[in-house]
Amino acid sequence: IDQFDGTPMPLNDLGLRLVIYLPGAELIIPGRAESGELATDDGQV
């Protein structure tokens, strides 16, 4: 997650969630802030 200017967005004091839009409902998955390595869709880390 980056801000508009391209710098990393501070996440520590925020509530985080993933909302999946189901037909007629929403599935909410709570999240957490992390840092470190992340595999991208193109296989890079």
All heavy atoms as atom14 arrays in JSON, in Angstrom:
{
  "sequence": "IDQFDGTPMPLNDLGLRLVIYLPGAELIIPGRAESGELATDDGQV",
  "atom14_mask": [
    [1, 1, 1, 1, 1, 1, 1, 1, 0, 0, 0, 0, 0, 0],
    [1, 1, 1, 1, 1, 1, 1, 1, 0, 0, 0, 0, 0, 0],
    [1, 1, 1, 1, 1, 1, 1, 1, 1, 0, 0, 0, 0, 0],
    [1, 1, 1, 1, 1, 1, 1, 1, 1, 1, 1, 0, 0, 0],
    [1, 1, 1, 1, 1, 1, 1, 1, 0, 0, 0, 0, 0, 0],
    [1, 1, 1, 1, 0, 0, 0, 0, 0, 0, 0, 0, 0, 0],
    [1, 1, 1, 1, 1, 1, 1, 0, 0, 0, 0, 0, 0, 0],
    [1, 1, 1, 1, 1, 1, 1, 0, 0, 0, 0, 0, 0, 0],
    [1, 1, 1, 1, 1, 1, 1, 1, 0, 0, 0, 0, 0, 0],
    [1, 1, 1, 1, 1, 1, 1, 0, 0, 0, 0, 0, 0, 0],
    [1, 1, 1, 1, 1, 1, 1, 1, 0, 0, 0, 0, 0, 0],
    [1, 1, 1, 1, 1, 1, 1, 1, 0, 0, 0, 0, 0, 0],
    [1, 1, 1, 1, 1, 1, 1, 1, 0, 0, 0, 0, 0, 0],
    [1, 1, 1, 1, 1, 1, 1, 1, 0, 0, 0, 0, 0, 0],
    [1, 1, 1, 1, 0, 0, 0, 0, 0, 0, 0, 0, 0, 0],
    [1, 1, 1, 1, 1, 1, 1, 1, 0, 0, 0, 0, 0, 0],
    [1, 1, 1, 1, 1, 1, 1, 1, 1, 1, 1, 0, 0, 0],
    [1, 1, 1, 1, 1, 1, 1, 1, 0, 0, 0, 0, 0, 0],
    [1, 1, 1, 1, 1, 1, 1, 0, 0, 0, 0, 0, 0, 0],
    [1, 1, 1, 1, 1, 1, 1, 1, 0, 0, 0, 0, 0, 0],
    [1, 1, 1, 1, 1, 1, 1, 1, 1, 1, 1, 1, 0, 0],
    [1, 1, 1, 1, 1, 1, 1, 1, 0, 0, 0, 0, 0, 0],
    [1, 1, 1, 1, 1, 1, 1, 0, 0, 0, 0, 0, 0, 0],
    [1, 1, 1, 1, 0, 0, 0, 0, 0, 0, 0, 0, 0, 0],
    [1, 1, 1, 1, 1, 0, 0, 0, 0, 0, 0, 0, 0, 0],
    [1, 1, 1, 1, 1, 1, 1, 1, 1, 0, 0, 0, 0, 0],
    [1, 1, 1, 1, 1, 1, 1, 1, 0, 0, 0, 0, 0, 0],
    [1, 1, 1, 1, 1, 1, 1, 1, 0, 0, 0, 0, 0, 0],
    [1, 1, 1, 1, 1, 1, 1, 1, 0, 0, 0, 0, 0, 0],
    [1, 1, 1, 1, 1, 1, 1, 0, 0, 0, 0, 0, 0, 0],
    [1, 1, 1, 1, 0, 0, 0, 0, 0, 0, 0, 0, 0, 0],
    [1, 1, 1, 1, 1, 1, 1, 1, 1, 1, 1, 0, 0, 0],
    [1, 1, 1, 1, 1, 0, 0, 0, 0, 0, 0, 0, 0, 0],
    [1, 1, 1, 1, 1, 1, 1, 1, 1, 0, 0, 0, 0, 0],
    [1, 1, 1, 1, 1, 1, 0, 0, 0, 0, 0, 0, 0, 0],
    [1, 1, 1, 1, 0, 0, 0, 0, 0, 0, 0, 0, 0, 0],
    [1, 1, 1, 1, 1, 1, 1, 1, 1, 0, 0, 0, 0, 0],
    [1, 1, 1, 1, 1, 1, 1, 1, 0, 0, 0, 0, 0, 0],
    [1, 1, 1, 1, 1, 0, 0, 0, 0, 0, 0, 0, 0, 0],
    [1, 1, 1, 1, 1, 1, 1, 0, 0, 0, 0, 0, 0, 0],
    [1, 1, 1, 1, 1, 1, 1, 1, 0, 0, 0, 0, 0, 0],
    [1, 1, 1, 1, 1, 1, 1, 1, 0, 0, 0, 0, 0, 0],
    [1, 1, 1, 1, 0, 0, 0, 0, 0, 0, 0, 0, 0, 0],
    [1, 1, 1, 1, 1, 1, 1, 1, 1, 0, 0, 0, 0, 0],
    [1, 1, 1, 1, 1, 1, 1, 0, 0, 0, 0, 0, 0, 0]
  ],
  "atom14_positions": [
    [[0.84, -1.2, 0.0], [0.0, 0.0, 0.0], [0.88, 1.25, 0.0], [1.71, 1.43, 0.89], [-0.94, 0.02, 1.22], [-1.77, -1.26, 1.29], [-1.83, 1.26, 1.18], [-2.71, -1.48, 0.1], [0.0, 0.0, 0.0], [0.0, 0.0, 0.0], [0.0, 0.0, 0.0], [0.0, 0.0, 0.0], [0.0, 0.0, 0.0], [0.0, 0.0, 0.0]],
    [[0.68, 2.08, -1.02], [1.4, 3.34, -1.13], [0.42, 4.5, -1.15], [-0.74, 4.34, -1.52], [2.24, 3.38, -2.42], [3.39, 2.38, -2.39], [4.04, 2.26, -1.33], [3.63, 1.73, -3.42], [0.0, 0.0, 0.0], [0.0, 0.0, 0.0], [0.0, 0.0, 0.0], [0.0, 0.0, 0.0], [0.0, 0.0, 0.0], [0.0, 0.0, 0.0]],
    [[0.92, 5.68, -0.76], [0.13, 6.9, -0.83], [0.18, 7.44, -2.27], [0.9, 6.91, -3.12], [0.69, 7.92, 0.16], [0.64, 7.39, 1.6], [1.2, 8.36, 2.59], [0.44, 9.09, 3.19], [2.51, 8.35, 2.77], [0.0, 0.0, 0.0], [0.0, 0.0, 0.0], [0.0, 0.0, 0.0], [0.0, 0.0, 0.0], [0.0, 0.0, 0.0]],
    [[-0.56, 8.51, -2.53], [-0.61, 9.09, -3.87], [0.76, 9.5, -4.38], [1.04, 9.42, -5.57], [-1.55, 10.3, -3.91], [-3.0, 9.92, -3.83], [-3.76, 10.29, -2.74], [-3.61, 9.19, -4.84], [-5.1, 9.95, -2.66], [-4.95, 8.83, -4.77], [-5.7, 9.22, -3.68], [0.0, 0.0, 0.0], [0.0, 0.0, 0.0], [0.0, 0.0, 0.0]],
    [[1.65, 9.94, -3.46], [2.97, 10.4, -3.89], [3.97, 9.24, -4.04], [5.14, 9.47, -4.33], [3.52, 11.44, -2.93], [3.77, 10.91, -1.53], [3.57, 9.7, -1.28], [4.16, 11.71, -0.66], [0.0, 0.0, 0.0], [0.0, 0.0, 0.0], [0.0, 0.0, 0.0], [0.0, 0.0, 0.0], [0.0, 0.0, 0.0], [0.0, 0.0, 0.0]],
    [[3.51, 8.01, -3.86], [4.38, 6.84, -4.05], [5.1, 6.38, -2.8], [5.78, 5.35, -2.82], [0.0, 0.0, 0.0], [0.0, 0.0, 0.0], [0.0, 0.0, 0.0], [0.0, 0.0, 0.0], [0.0, 0.0, 0.0], [0.0, 0.0, 0.0], [0.0, 0.0, 0.0], [0.0, 0.0, 0.0], [0.0, 0.0, 0.0], [0.0, 0.0, 0.0]],
    [[4.96, 7.11, -1.69], [5.61, 6.68, -0.46], [4.72, 5.66, 0.25], [3.49, 5.68, 0.1], [5.87, 7.88, 0.48], [4.63, 8.51, 0.79], [6.82, 8.88, -0.17], [0.0, 0.0, 0.0], [0.0, 0.0, 0.0], [0.0, 0.0, 0.0], [0.0, 0.0, 0.0], [0.0, 0.0, 0.0], [0.0, 0.0, 0.0], [0.0, 0.0, 0.0]],
    [[5.31, 4.76, 1.03], [4.51, 3.76, 1.75], [3.51, 4.42, 2.7], [3.83, 5.4, 3.37], [5.55, 2.96, 2.53], [6.82, 3.16, 1.77], [6.75, 4.56, 1.22], [0.0, 0.0, 0.0], [0.0, 0.0, 0.0], [0.0, 0.0, 0.0], [0.0, 0.0, 0.0], [0.0, 0.0, 0.0], [0.0, 0.0, 0.0], [0.0, 0.0, 0.0]],
    [[2.3, 3.88, 2.74], [1.25, 4.42, 3.62], [1.42, 3.84, 5.03], [1.49, 2.63, 5.18], [-0.14, 4.05, 3.09], [-1.27, 4.47, 4.02], [-2.88, 3.95, 3.41], [-3.2, 5.26, 2.25], [0.0, 0.0, 0.0], [0.0, 0.0, 0.0], [0.0, 0.0, 0.0], [0.0, 0.0, 0.0], [0.0, 0.0, 0.0], [0.0, 0.0, 0.0]],
    [[1.49, 4.68, 6.06], [1.54, 4.16, 7.42], [0.22, 3.46, 7.76], [-0.85, 4.04, 7.62], [1.73, 5.4, 8.29], [2.06, 6.52, 7.36], [1.57, 6.13, 6.01], [0.0, 0.0, 0.0], [0.0, 0.0, 0.0], [0.0, 0.0, 0.0], [0.0, 0.0, 0.0], [0.0, 0.0, 0.0], [0.0, 0.0, 0.0], [0.0, 0.0, 0.0]],
    [[0.28, 2.2, 8.19], [-0.92, 1.41, 8.43], [-1.14, 1.07, 9.91], [-2.21, 0.57, 10.26], [-0.84, 0.09, 7.64], [-0.73, 0.2, 6.13], [-0.5, -1.17, 5.52], [-1.97, 0.85, 5.55], [0.0, 0.0, 0.0], [0.0, 0.0, 0.0], [0.0, 0.0, 0.0], [0.0, 0.0, 0.0], [0.0, 0.0, 0.0], [0.0, 0.0, 0.0]],
    [[-0.16, 1.32, 10.77], [-0.2, 0.81, 12.14], [-1.4, 1.23, 12.96], [-1.89, 0.47, 13.77], [1.08, 1.19, 12.87], [2.25, 0.4, 12.34], [2.08, -0.67, 11.78], [3.45, 0.95, 12.48], [0.0, 0.0, 0.0], [0.0, 0.0, 0.0], [0.0, 0.0, 0.0], [0.0, 0.0, 0.0], [0.0, 0.0, 0.0], [0.0, 0.0, 0.0]],
    [[-1.91, 2.44, 12.8], [-3.02, 2.91, 13.63], [-4.37, 2.83, 12.93], [-5.33, 3.47, 13.35], [-2.76, 4.35, 14.09], [-1.54, 4.43, 15.01], [-1.32, 3.48, 15.77], [-0.82, 5.44, 14.94], [0.0, 0.0, 0.0], [0.0, 0.0, 0.0], [0.0, 0.0, 0.0], [0.0, 0.0, 0.0], [0.0, 0.0, 0.0], [0.0, 0.0, 0.0]],
    [[-4.45, 2.04, 11.87], [-5.68, 1.94, 11.1], [-6.33, 0.57, 11.26], [-5.64, -0.43, 11.43], [-5.39, 2.14, 9.6], [-4.78, 3.46, 9.18], [-4.45, 3.43, 7.69], [-5.72, 4.62, 9.49], [0.0, 0.0, 0.0], [0.0, 0.0, 0.0], [0.0, 0.0, 0.0], [0.0, 0.0, 0.0], [0.0, 0.0, 0.0], [0.0, 0.0, 0.0]],
    [[-7.66, 0.54, 11.21], [-8.36, -0.73, 11.05], [-8.21, -1.14, 9.59], [-8.27, -0.29, 8.7], [0.0, 0.0, 0.0], [0.0, 0.0, 0.0], [0.0, 0.0, 0.0], [0.0, 0.0, 0.0], [0.0, 0.0, 0.0], [0.0, 0.0, 0.0], [0.0, 0.0, 0.0], [0.0, 0.0, 0.0], [0.0, 0.0, 0.0], [0.0, 0.0, 0.0]],
    [[-7.99, -2.42, 9.34], [-7.79, -2.91, 7.97], [-8.73, -4.07, 7.69], [-8.92, -4.94, 8.54], [-6.33, -3.39, 7.8], [-5.23, -2.42, 8.21], [-3.87, -3.11, 8.12], [-5.26, -1.17, 7.35], [0.0, 0.0, 0.0], [0.0, 0.0, 0.0], [0.0, 0.0, 0.0], [0.0, 0.0, 0.0], [0.0, 0.0, 0.0], [0.0, 0.0, 0.0]],
    [[-9.3, -4.09, 6.49], [-10.14, -5.22, 6.13], [-10.2, -5.37, 4.61], [-9.99, -4.42, 3.86], [-11.54, -5.08, 6.71], [-12.4, -4.01, 6.11], [-13.74, -3.93, 6.83], [-14.67, -3.03, 6.17], [-15.9, -2.8, 6.59], [-16.33, -3.38, 7.71], [-16.68, -1.98, 5.94], [0.0, 0.0, 0.0], [0.0, 0.0, 0.0], [0.0, 0.0, 0.0]],
    [[-10.51, -6.6, 4.22], [-10.77, -6.94, 2.83], [-12.27, -7.21, 2.72], [-12.81, -8.0, 3.49], [-9.98, -8.2, 2.44], [-10.25, -8.79, 1.06], [-9.78, -7.85, -0.04], [-9.56, -10.14, 0.93], [0.0, 0.0, 0.0], [0.0, 0.0, 0.0], [0.0, 0.0, 0.0], [0.0, 0.0, 0.0], [0.0, 0.0, 0.0], [0.0, 0.0, 0.0]],
    [[-12.93, -6.52, 1.81], [-14.35, -6.71, 1.59], [-14.52, -7.44, 0.26], [-14.06, -6.95, -0.78], [-15.11, -5.37, 1.56], [-16.59, -5.6, 1.31], [-14.89, -4.61, 2.85], [0.0, 0.0, 0.0], [0.0, 0.0, 0.0], [0.0, 0.0, 0.0], [0.0, 0.0, 0.0], [0.0, 0.0, 0.0], [0.0, 0.0, 0.0], [0.0, 0.0, 0.0]],
    [[-15.16, -8.61, 0.31], [-15.45, -9.38, -0.9], [-16.94, -9.25, -1.15], [-17.76, -9.56, -0.27], [-15.03, -10.85, -0.74], [-13.52, -10.92, -0.46], [-15.4, -11.66, -1.98], [-13.01, -12.29, -0.12], [0.0, 0.0, 0.0], [0.0, 0.0, 0.0], [0.0, 0.0, 0.0], [0.0, 0.0, 0.0], [0.0, 0.0, 0.0], [0.0, 0.0, 0.0]],
    [[-17.28, -8.74, -2.33], [-18.68, -8.47, -2.67], [-19.32, -9.74, -3.23], [-19.05, -10.14, -4.36], [-18.78, -7.32, -3.66], [-18.18, -6.05, -3.11], [-16.95, -5.58, -3.56], [-18.84, -5.31, -2.13], [-16.39, -4.42, -3.05], [-18.28, -4.15, -1.61], [-17.06, -3.71, -2.08], [-16.51, -2.57, -1.57], [0.0, 0.0, 0.0], [0.0, 0.0, 0.0]],
    [[-20.17, -10.35, -2.41], [-20.94, -11.52, -2.82], [-22.29, -11.07, -3.35], [-22.72, -9.95, -3.04], [-21.14, -12.46, -1.62], [-19.89, -12.9, -0.87], [-20.27, -13.72, 0.36], [-18.98, -13.7, -1.78], [0.0, 0.0, 0.0], [0.0, 0.0, 0.0], [0.0, 0.0, 0.0], [0.0, 0.0, 0.0], [0.0, 0.0, 0.0], [0.0, 0.0, 0.0]],
    [[-22.98, -11.91, -4.1], [-24.33, -11.52, -4.53], [-25.23, -11.28, -3.3], [-25.47, -12.18, -2.51], [-24.82, -12.71, -5.34], [-23.57, -13.42, -5.79], [-22.58, -13.19, -4.68], [0.0, 0.0, 0.0], [0.0, 0.0, 0.0], [0.0, 0.0, 0.0], [0.0, 0.0, 0.0], [0.0, 0.0, 0.0], [0.0, 0.0, 0.0], [0.0, 0.0, 0.0]],
    [[-25.65, -10.03, -3.1], [-26.55, -9.7, -2.01], [-25.92, -9.59, -0.64], [-26.63, -9.45, 0.35], [0.0, 0.0, 0.0], [0.0, 0.0, 0.0], [0.0, 0.0, 0.0], [0.0, 0.0, 0.0], [0.0, 0.0, 0.0], [0.0, 0.0, 0.0], [0.0, 0.0, 0.0], [0.0, 0.0, 0.0], [0.0, 0.0, 0.0], [0.0, 0.0, 0.0]],
    [[-24.6, -9.67, -0.53], [-23.94, -9.61, 0.78], [-22.48, -9.2, 0.61], [-21.98, -9.09, -0.5], [-24.02, -10.97, 1.46], [0.0, 0.0, 0.0], [0.0, 0.0, 0.0], [0.0, 0.0, 0.0], [0.0, 0.0, 0.0], [0.0, 0.0, 0.0], [0.0, 0.0, 0.0], [0.0, 0.0, 0.0], [0.0, 0.0, 0.0], [0.0, 0.0, 0.0]],
    [[-21.83, -8.98, 1.74], [-20.4, -8.7, 1.76], [-19.73, -9.67, 2.71], [-20.24, -9.94, 3.79], [-20.12, -7.27, 2.23], [-20.62, -6.21, 1.3], [-20.37, -4.81, 1.82], [-20.04, -4.65, 3.02], [-20.52, -3.86, 1.03], [0.0, 0.0, 0.0], [0.0, 0.0, 0.0], [0.0, 0.0, 0.0], [0.0, 0.0, 0.0], [0.0, 0.0, 0.0]],
    [[-18.59, -10.19, 2.31], [-17.76, -11.03, 3.17], [-16.62, -10.15, 3.65], [-15.89, -9.58, 2.84], [-17.24, -12.24, 2.39], [-16.27, -13.16, 3.09], [-16.91, -13.79, 4.32], [-15.8, -14.25, 2.13], [0.0, 0.0, 0.0], [0.0, 0.0, 0.0], [0.0, 0.0, 0.0], [0.0, 0.0, 0.0], [0.0, 0.0, 0.0], [0.0, 0.0, 0.0]],
    [[-16.49, -10.0, 4.97], [-15.47, -9.13, 5.56], [-14.38, -9.99, 6.18], [-14.65, -10.84, 7.03], [-16.08, -8.23, 6.66], [-17.31, -7.48, 6.16], [-15.03, -7.31, 7.26], [-17.06, -6.43, 5.14], [0.0, 0.0, 0.0], [0.0, 0.0, 0.0], [0.0, 0.0, 0.0], [0.0, 0.0, 0.0], [0.0, 0.0, 0.0], [0.0, 0.0, 0.0]],
    [[-13.13, -9.76, 5.77], [-11.98, -10.47, 6.34], [-11.07, -9.43, 6.99], [-10.55, -8.54, 6.3], [-11.25, -11.29, 5.27], [-12.21, -12.32, 4.66], [-10.0, -11.94, 5.85], [-11.66, -13.13, 3.55], [0.0, 0.0, 0.0], [0.0, 0.0, 0.0], [0.0, 0.0, 0.0], [0.0, 0.0, 0.0], [0.0, 0.0, 0.0], [0.0, 0.0, 0.0]],
    [[-10.9, -9.52, 8.32], [-10.03, -8.55, 9.0], [-8.58, -8.71, 8.55], [-8.14, -9.8, 8.21], [-10.18, -8.89, 10.48], [-11.1, -10.04, 10.58], [-11.48, -10.48, 9.22], [0.0, 0.0, 0.0], [0.0, 0.0, 0.0], [0.0, 0.0, 0.0], [0.0, 0.0, 0.0], [0.0, 0.0, 0.0], [0.0, 0.0, 0.0], [0.0, 0.0, 0.0]],
    [[-7.87, -7.6, 8.59], [-6.47, -7.62, 8.15], [-5.54, -7.1, 9.22], [-5.97, -6.71, 10.31], [0.0, 0.0, 0.0], [0.0, 0.0, 0.0], [0.0, 0.0, 0.0], [0.0, 0.0, 0.0], [0.0, 0.0, 0.0], [0.0, 0.0, 0.0], [0.0, 0.0, 0.0], [0.0, 0.0, 0.0], [0.0, 0.0, 0.0], [0.0, 0.0, 0.0]],
    [[-4.28, -7.1, 8.87], [-3.24, -6.59, 9.77], [-2.15, -5.94, 8.93], [-2.01, -6.23, 7.74], [-2.66, -7.71, 10.63], [-1.92, -8.76, 9.83], [-1.43, -9.92, 10.71], [-0.78, -10.91, 9.89], [-1.4, -11.82, 9.13], [-2.72, -11.85, 9.09], [-0.71, -12.68, 8.4], [0.0, 0.0, 0.0], [0.0, 0.0, 0.0], [0.0, 0.0, 0.0]],
    [[-1.39, -5.06, 9.57], [-0.27, -4.4, 8.9], [0.98, -5.25, 9.07], [1.25, -5.77, 10.15], [-0.04, -3.02, 9.51], [0.0, 0.0, 0.0], [0.0, 0.0, 0.0], [0.0, 0.0, 0.0], [0.0, 0.0, 0.0], [0.0, 0.0, 0.0], [0.0, 0.0, 0.0], [0.0, 0.0, 0.0], [0.0, 0.0, 0.0], [0.0, 0.0, 0.0]],
    [[1.72, -5.42, 7.98], [2.99, -6.14, 8.0], [3.99, -5.38, 7.15], [3.63, -4.45, 6.43], [2.83, -7.56, 7.41], [2.04, -8.5, 8.26], [2.07, -9.94, 7.73], [2.64, -10.17, 6.63], [1.52, -10.82, 8.41], [0.0, 0.0, 0.0], [0.0, 0.0, 0.0], [0.0, 0.0, 0.0], [0.0, 0.0, 0.0], [0.0, 0.0, 0.0]],
    [[5.21, -5.79, 7.24], [6.26, -5.3, 6.35], [7.15, -6.48, 6.03], [7.19, -7.47, 6.76], [7.06, -4.17, 7.0], [7.71, -4.65, 8.15], [0.0, 0.0, 0.0], [0.0, 0.0, 0.0], [0.0, 0.0, 0.0], [0.0, 0.0, 0.0], [0.0, 0.0, 0.0], [0.0, 0.0, 0.0], [0.0, 0.0, 0.0], [0.0, 0.0, 0.0]],
    [[7.84, -6.39, 4.91], [8.75, -7.46, 4.54], [8.6, -7.86, 3.1], [8.15, -7.08, 2.26], [0.0, 0.0, 0.0], [0.0, 0.0, 0.0], [0.0, 0.0, 0.0], [0.0, 0.0, 0.0], [0.0, 0.0, 0.0], [0.0, 0.0, 0.0], [0.0, 0.0, 0.0], [0.0, 0.0, 0.0], [0.0, 0.0, 0.0], [0.0, 0.0, 0.0]],
    [[8.96, -9.11, 2.81], [8.93, -9.6, 1.44], [7.52, -9.99, 1.03], [6.73, -10.49, 1.82], [9.87, -10.8, 1.29], [11.32, -10.42, 1.4], [12.25, -11.58, 1.11], [11.81, -12.75, 1.09], [13.44, -11.31, 0.89], [0.0, 0.0, 0.0], [0.0, 0.0, 0.0], [0.0, 0.0, 0.0], [0.0, 0.0, 0.0], [0.0, 0.0, 0.0]],
    [[7.24, -9.75, -0.25], [5.93, -10.01, -0.81], [6.11, -10.49, -2.25], [6.82, -9.84, -3.02], [5.09, -8.73, -0.78], [3.68, -8.78, -1.32], [2.78, -9.59, -0.38], [3.13, -7.38, -1.48], [0.0, 0.0, 0.0], [0.0, 0.0, 0.0], [0.0, 0.0, 0.0], [0.0, 0.0, 0.0], [0.0, 0.0, 0.0], [0.0, 0.0, 0.0]],
    [[5.51, -11.62, -2.58], [5.56, -12.11, -3.96], [4.52, -11.38, -4.79], [3.37, -11.26, -4.38], [5.31, -13.62, -3.99], [0.0, 0.0, 0.0], [0.0, 0.0, 0.0], [0.0, 0.0, 0.0], [0.0, 0.0, 0.0], [0.0, 0.0, 0.0], [0.0, 0.0, 0.0], [0.0, 0.0, 0.0], [0.0, 0.0, 0.0], [0.0, 0.0, 0.0]],
    [[4.93, -10.9, -5.95], [4.01, -10.19, -6.84], [3.39, -11.17, -7.83], [3.84, -12.31, -7.96], [4.74, -9.07, -7.59], [5.76, -9.64, -8.4], [5.35, -8.06, -6.61], [0.0, 0.0, 0.0], [0.0, 0.0, 0.0], [0.0, 0.0, 0.0], [0.0, 0.0, 0.0], [0.0, 0.0, 0.0], [0.0, 0.0, 0.0], [0.0, 0.0, 0.0]],
    [[2.37, -10.7, -8.54], [1.68, -11.56, -9.51], [2.6, -12.05, -10.62], [2.36, -13.11, -11.18], [0.49, -10.82, -10.12], [-0.64, -10.6, -9.13], [-0.73, -11.38, -8.15], [-1.41, -9.65, -9.32], [0.0, 0.0, 0.0], [0.0, 0.0, 0.0], [0.0, 0.0, 0.0], [0.0, 0.0, 0.0], [0.0, 0.0, 0.0], [0.0, 0.0, 0.0]],
    [[3.64, -11.29, -10.93], [4.54, -11.71, -12.01], [5.7, -12.56, -11.51], [6.65, -12.82, -12.25], [5.04, -10.5, -12.79], [5.83, -9.52, -11.92], [6.08, -9.81, -10.73], [6.21, -8.46, -12.44], [0.0, 0.0, 0.0], [0.0, 0.0, 0.0], [0.0, 0.0, 0.0], [0.0, 0.0, 0.0], [0.0, 0.0, 0.0], [0.0, 0.0, 0.0]],
    [[5.65, -12.99, -10.25], [6.65, -13.9, -9.71], [7.85, -13.24, -9.05], [8.7, -13.91, -8.48], [0.0, 0.0, 0.0], [0.0, 0.0, 0.0], [0.0, 0.0, 0.0], [0.0, 0.0, 0.0], [0.0, 0.0, 0.0], [0.0, 0.0, 0.0], [0.0, 0.0, 0.0], [0.0, 0.0, 0.0], [0.0, 0.0, 0.0], [0.0, 0.0, 0.0]],
    [[7.92, -11.92, -9.09], [9.01, -11.22, -8.42], [8.75, -11.14, -6.93], [7.61, -11.24, -6.48], [9.16, -9.8, -8.97], [9.57, -9.73, -10.41], [9.73, -8.28, -10.86], [9.35, -7.34, -10.16], [10.28, -8.09, -12.04], [0.0, 0.0, 0.0], [0.0, 0.0, 0.0], [0.0, 0.0, 0.0], [0.0, 0.0, 0.0], [0.0, 0.0, 0.0]],
    [[9.8, -10.97, -6.16], [9.68, -10.77, -4.71], [10.16, -9.36, -4.42], [11.27, -8.97, -4.81], [10.5, -11.81, -3.92], [10.44, -11.51, -2.43], [9.98, -13.21, -4.21], [0.0, 0.0, 0.0], [0.0, 0.0, 0.0], [0.0, 0.0, 0.0], [0.0, 0.0, 0.0], [0.0, 0.0, 0.0], [0.0, 0.0, 0.0], [0.0, 0.0, 0.0]]
  ]
}
